[in-house]
C-alpha atoms as a PDB file:
ATOM      1  CA  MET A   1     147.960  53.343  36.952  1.00  0.00           C
ATOM      2  CA  PRO A   2     149.079  49.731  37.453  1.00  0.00           C
ATOM      3  CA  THR A   3     150.011  48.731  40.973  1.00  0.00           C
ATOM      4  CA  LEU A   4     153.212  46.754  41.446  1.00  0.00           C
ATOM      5  CA  PHE A   5     153.239  45.929  37.732  1.00  0.00           C
ATOM      6  CA  ASP A   6     149.881  44.260  37.120  1.00  0.00           C
ATOM      7  CA  GLY A   7     151.327  41.323  35.216  1.00  0.00           C
ATOM      8  CA  VAL A   8     153.292  41.430  31.987  1.00  0.00           C
ATOM      9  CA  GLU A   9     151.070  44.078  30.368  1.00  0.00           C
ATOM     10  CA  GLY A  10     151.439  46.402  33.377  1.00  0.00           C
ATOM     11  CA  PHE A  11     155.201  46.003  33.183  1.00  0.00           C
ATOM     12  CA  GLU A  12     155.222  46.586  29.423  1.00  0.00           C
ATOM     13  CA  HIS A  13     153.092  49.735  29.820  1.00  0.00           C
ATOM     14  CA  GLN A  14     155.460  51.099  32.469  1.00  0.00           C
ATOM     15  CA  GLU A  15     158.464  50.418  30.232  1.00  0.00           C
ATOM     16  CA  LEU A  16     156.802  52.177  27.277  1.00  0.00           C
ATOM     17  CA  LEU A  17     155.995  55.083  29.566  1.00  0.00           C
ATOM     18  CA  LYS A  18     159.617  55.329  30.732  1.00  0.00           C
ATOM     19  CA  VAL A  19     160.850  55.361  27.130  1.00  0.00           C
ATOM     20  CA  LEU A  20     158.408  58.146  26.216  1.00  0.00           C
ATOM     21  CA  ILE A  21     159.391  60.199  29.282  1.00  0.00           C
ATOM     22  CA  LYS A  22     163.062  59.858  28.332  1.00  0.00           C
ATOM     23  CA  LYS A  23     162.235  60.850  24.744  1.00  0.00           C
ATOM     24  CA  PHE A  24     160.379  63.933  26.007  1.00  0.00           C
ATOM     25  CA  GLN A  25     163.219  64.907  28.346  1.00  0.00           C
ATOM     26  CA  ASP A  26     165.847  64.375  25.636  1.00  0.00           C
ATOM     27  CA  SER A  27     163.918  66.750  23.379  1.00  0.00           C
ATOM     28  CA  GLY A  28     163.834  69.463  26.071  1.00  0.00           C
ATOM     29  CA  LEU A  29     160.309  68.958  27.368  1.00  0.00           C
ATOM     30  CA  LYS A  30     159.577  69.367  31.072  1.00  0.00           C
ATOM     31  CA  ILE A  31     157.567  66.500  32.555  1.00  0.00           C
ATOM     32  CA  VAL A  32     154.859  68.136  34.665  1.00  0.00           C
ATOM     33  CA  LYS A  33     152.886  65.029  35.640  1.00  0.00           C
ATOM     34  CA  ALA A  34     153.117  61.331  34.818  1.00  0.00           C
ATOM     35  CA  SER A  35     151.542  58.011  35.791  1.00  0.00           C
ATOM     36  CA  LEU A  36     154.846  56.770  37.141  1.00  0.00           C
ATOM     37  CA  ALA A  37     156.386  56.598  40.605  1.00  0.00           C
ATOM     38  CA  GLY A  38     158.118  59.860  41.478  1.00  0.00           C
ATOM     39  CA  TYR A  39     155.665  62.093  39.602  1.00  0.00           C
ATOM     40  CA  ASP A  40     152.336  63.660  40.496  1.00  0.00           C
ATOM     41  CA  GLU A  41     149.373  61.954  38.828  1.00  0.00           C
ATOM     42  CA  PRO A  42     148.115  63.686  35.665  1.00  0.00           C
ATOM     43  CA  TYR A  43     144.813  65.560  35.681  1.00  0.00           C
ATOM     44  CA  LYS A  44     141.921  64.757  33.363  1.00  0.00           C
ATOM     45  CA  ILE A  45     142.001  66.046  29.818  1.00  0.00           C
ATOM     46  CA  GLY A  46     138.514  65.445  28.497  1.00  0.00           C
ATOM     47  CA  ARG A  47     137.214  62.222  30.019  1.00  0.00           C
ATOM     48  CA  HIS A  48     140.538  60.655  31.036  1.00  0.00           C
ATOM     49  CA  GLU A  49     143.985  61.266  32.509  1.00  0.00           C
ATOM     50  CA  PRO A  50     146.861  60.879  30.039  1.00  0.00           C
ATOM     51  CA  ASP A  51     150.018  59.026  31.017  1.00  0.00           C
ATOM     52  CA  ILE A  52     152.176  62.154  30.671  1.00  0.00           C
ATOM     53  CA  ILE A  53     151.588  65.884  30.754  1.00  0.00           C
ATOM     54  CA  ALA A  54     154.610  67.901  29.671  1.00  0.00           C
ATOM     55  CA  MET A  55     155.413  71.473  28.651  1.00  0.00           C
ATOM     56  CA  ASP A  56     157.698  72.717  25.928  1.00  0.00           C
ATOM     57  CA  GLY A  57     160.062  75.696  26.301  1.00  0.00           C
ATOM     58  CA  ARG A  58     157.238  78.122  25.486  1.00  0.00           C
ATOM     59  CA  GLY A  59     154.963  76.610  28.124  1.00  0.00           C
ATOM     60  CA  LEU A  60     152.768  74.813  25.591  1.00  0.00           C
ATOM     61  CA  LEU A  61     151.060  71.559  26.533  1.00  0.00           C
ATOM     62  CA  VAL A  62     152.332  68.214  25.232  1.00  0.00           C
ATOM     63  CA  ILE A  63     150.381  65.036  26.002  1.00  0.00           C
ATOM     64  CA  GLY A  64     151.858  61.526  26.045  1.00  0.00           C
ATOM     65  CA  GLU A  65     150.138  58.159  26.119  1.00  0.00           C
ATOM     66  CA  ALA A  66     151.723  54.686  26.190  1.00  0.00           C
ATOM     67  CA  LYS A  67     149.668  51.804  24.815  1.00  0.00           C
ATOM     68  CA  CYS A  68     150.209  48.054  24.739  1.00  0.00           C
ATOM     69  CA  CYS A  69     148.928  46.181  21.686  1.00  0.00           C
ATOM     70  CA  ASP A  70     146.073  44.572  23.645  1.00  0.00           C
ATOM     71  CA  ASP A  71     144.775  48.010  24.680  1.00  0.00           C
ATOM     72  CA  LEU A  72     144.624  49.596  21.222  1.00  0.00           C
ATOM     73  CA  ASN A  73     141.151  48.373  20.245  1.00  0.00           C
ATOM     74  CA  SER A  74     139.394  49.335  23.466  1.00  0.00           C
ATOM     75  CA  ARG A  75     136.683  51.952  23.942  1.00  0.00           C
ATOM     76  CA  LEU A  76     138.905  53.636  26.541  1.00  0.00           C
ATOM     77  CA  THR A  77     141.703  54.049  23.982  1.00  0.00           C
ATOM     78  CA  GLU A  78     139.290  55.475  21.406  1.00  0.00           C
ATOM     79  CA  GLU A  79     138.035  58.054  23.906  1.00  0.00           C
ATOM     80  CA  GLN A  80     141.573  58.945  25.010  1.00  0.00           C
ATOM     81  CA  PHE A  81     142.829  59.386  21.452  1.00  0.00           C
ATOM     82  CA  GLN A  82     139.862  61.595  20.581  1.00  0.00           C
ATOM     83  CA  ASP A  83     140.110  63.691  23.754  1.00  0.00           C
ATOM     84  CA  PHE A  84     143.891  64.073  23.802  1.00  0.00           C
ATOM     85  CA  SER A  85     144.250  64.840  20.085  1.00  0.00           C
ATOM     86  CA  ASN A  86     141.588  67.550  20.290  1.00  0.00           C
ATOM     87  CA  SER A  87     142.803  69.231  23.478  1.00  0.00           C
ATOM     88  CA  SER A  88     143.227  72.994  23.027  1.00  0.00           C
ATOM     89  CA  MET A  89     145.620  75.079  25.081  1.00  0.00           C
ATOM     90  CA  LEU A  90     144.458  78.258  26.752  1.00  0.00           C
ATOM     91  CA  ASN A  91     147.991  79.665  26.807  1.00  0.00           C
ATOM     92  CA  GLY A  92     148.562  78.588  23.202  1.00  0.00           C
ATOM     93  CA  GLY A  93     145.897  80.811  21.736  1.00  0.00           C
ATOM     94  CA  GLY A  94     143.588  77.846  21.132  1.00  0.00           C
ATOM     95  CA  LYS A  95     146.321  75.772  19.447  1.00  0.00           C
ATOM     96  CA  VAL A  96     145.705  72.046  19.662  1.00  0.00           C
ATOM     97  CA  ALA A  97     148.190  70.291  21.952  1.00  0.00           C
ATOM     98  CA  ASP A  98     150.772  67.908  20.522  1.00  0.00           C
ATOM     99  CA  PHE A  99     149.786  64.321  21.310  1.00  0.00           C
ATOM    100  CA  HIS A 100     152.437  61.578  21.363  1.00  0.00           C
ATOM    101  CA  ILE A 101     151.615  57.871  21.363  1.00  0.00           C
ATOM    102  CA  MET A 102     154.226  55.249  22.327  1.00  0.00           C
ATOM    103  CA  ILE A 103     153.549  51.633  21.320  1.00  0.00           C
ATOM    104  CA  PRO A 104     155.520  48.418  20.915  1.00  0.00           C
ATOM    105  CA  GLU A 105     156.885  48.104  17.388  1.00  0.00           C
ATOM    106  CA  SER A 106     154.828  44.948  16.858  1.00  0.00           C
ATOM    107  CA  CYS A 107     151.537  46.868  16.749  1.00  0.00           C
ATOM    108  CA  GLU A 108     152.312  49.689  14.282  1.00  0.00           C
ATOM    109  CA  LEU A 109     149.759  48.422  11.754  1.00  0.00           C
ATOM    110  CA  GLN A 110     147.150  48.008  14.464  1.00  0.00           C
ATOM    111  CA  LEU A 111     147.671  51.613  15.628  1.00  0.00           C
ATOM    112  CA  GLY A 112     147.346  52.844  12.045  1.00  0.00           C
ATOM    113  CA  LYS A 113     144.014  51.060  11.687  1.00  0.00           C
ATOM    114  CA  VAL A 114     142.704  52.469  14.975  1.00  0.00           C
ATOM    115  CA  LEU A 115     143.674  56.026  14.062  1.00  0.00           C
ATOM    116  CA  SER A 116     142.137  55.573  10.609  1.00  0.00           C
ATOM    117  CA  GLU A 117     138.863  54.277  12.072  1.00  0.00           C
ATOM    118  CA  LEU A 118     138.769  57.333  14.367  1.00  0.00           C
ATOM    119  CA  ALA A 119     139.432  59.663  11.391  1.00  0.00           C
ATOM    120  CA  LEU A 120     142.620  60.954  13.063  1.00  0.00           C
ATOM    121  CA  THR A 121     145.117  60.107  10.311  1.00  0.00           C
ATOM    122  CA  SER A 122     145.227  63.630   8.871  1.00  0.00           C
ATOM    123  CA  ARG A 123     145.978  65.236  12.236  1.00  0.00           C
ATOM    124  CA  THR A 124     149.371  66.945  12.238  1.00  0.00           C
ATOM    125  CA  ASN A 125     149.516  67.164  16.040  1.00  0.00           C
ATOM    126  CA  ILE A 126     149.688  63.368  16.543  1.00  0.00           C
ATOM    127  CA  TYR A 127     153.118  61.734  16.748  1.00  0.00           C
ATOM    128  CA  CYS A 128     153.589  57.972  16.856  1.00  0.00           C
ATOM    129  CA  TRP A 129     156.641  56.320  18.391  1.00  0.00           C
ATOM    130  CA  THR A 130     157.659  52.721  18.862  1.00  0.00           C
ATOM    131  CA  ARG A 131     159.796  51.380  21.649  1.00  0.00           C
ATOM    132  CA  GLU A 132     162.145  49.402  19.422  1.00  0.00           C
ATOM    133  CA  GLN A 133     162.618  52.022  16.710  1.00  0.00           C
ATOM    134  CA  GLN A 134     162.015  55.606  17.708  1.00  0.00           C
ATOM    135  CA  PRO A 135     160.405  57.496  16.128  1.00  0.00           C
ATOM    136  CA  ILE A 136     158.644  56.103  13.071  1.00  0.00           C
ATOM    137  CA  ASP A 137     160.493  59.079  11.503  1.00  0.00           C
ATOM    138  CA  ASP A 138     161.144  62.526  12.989  1.00  0.00           C
ATOM    139  CA  ASP A 139     160.247  64.348   9.778  1.00  0.00           C
ATOM    140  CA  LEU A 140     157.172  62.363   8.857  1.00  0.00           C
ATOM    141  CA  THR A 141     153.672  63.434   9.702  1.00  0.00           C
ATOM    142  CA  LEU A 142     151.282  60.782  10.934  1.00  0.00           C
ATOM    143  CA  LYS A 143     149.768  60.658   7.446  1.00  0.00           C
ATOM    144  CA  ASP A 144     153.169  59.780   5.953  1.00  0.00           C
ATOM    145  CA  GLY A 145     153.746  57.211   8.689  1.00  0.00           C
ATOM    146  CA  LEU A 146     150.381  55.631   7.966  1.00  0.00           C
ATOM    147  CA  GLN A 147     151.248  55.484   4.258  1.00  0.00           C
ATOM    148  CA  GLU A 148     154.376  53.537   5.225  1.00  0.00           C
ATOM    149  CA  LEU A 149     152.180  51.191   7.275  1.00  0.00           C
ATOM    150  CA  ASN A 150     149.757  50.747   4.365  1.00  0.00           C
ATOM    151  CA  ASP A 151     152.668  50.008   2.023  1.00  0.00           C
ATOM    152  CA  LEU A 152     154.017  47.459   4.496  1.00  0.00           C
ATOM    153  CA  GLU A 153     150.583  45.857   4.831  1.00  0.00           C
ATOM    154  CA  SER A 154     150.313  45.674   1.031  1.00  0.00           C
ATOM    155  CA  VAL A 155     153.702  43.931   0.817  1.00  0.00           C
ATOM    156  CA  HIS A 156     152.581  41.423   3.469  1.00  0.00           C
ATOM    157  CA  ARG A 157     149.316  40.795   1.594  1.00  0.00           C
ATOM    158  CA  THR A 158     151.143  40.319  -1.732  1.00  0.00           C
ATOM    159  CA  ALA A 159     153.679  37.939  -0.175  1.00  0.00           C
ATOM    160  CA  LYS A 160     150.868  35.959   1.447  1.00  0.00           C
ATOM    161  CA  ASN A 161     149.013  35.569  -1.866  1.00  0.00           C
ATOM    162  CA  THR A 162     152.059  34.346  -3.820  1.00  0.00           C
END
């Protein structure tokens, strides 16, 4: 957890985290632990602590992670995404926990590439949100969201080549 906003990136991470907490609360989730002042620190899930641990109305685990663009290609992020997206719930009958990722809008394509490289694009328990436009779309699965990103990338490539 950053201390006294470790520079611009620490501030940006905290802001993304606040937006995701508000999004969770607005959707009826109870924040159990969070890497933010006023909350108890999250416990490890796999090898790392997530930014947010929440529970839904049935008591099922929901994991949240805020990422700045510069952090997306790190080994730490890869490990977190793998661990958090594969976390099973004891009280959910082995159901995999929902995993929410909050990023700045400017790195949507970058997130899509990272998730693709980790073979996580077909996972239906991963939800991607951006700070500027939330969510990518409530009714879209990550796979649909990644298709939108691929389409957007294709448009950018075509425009660049003309």
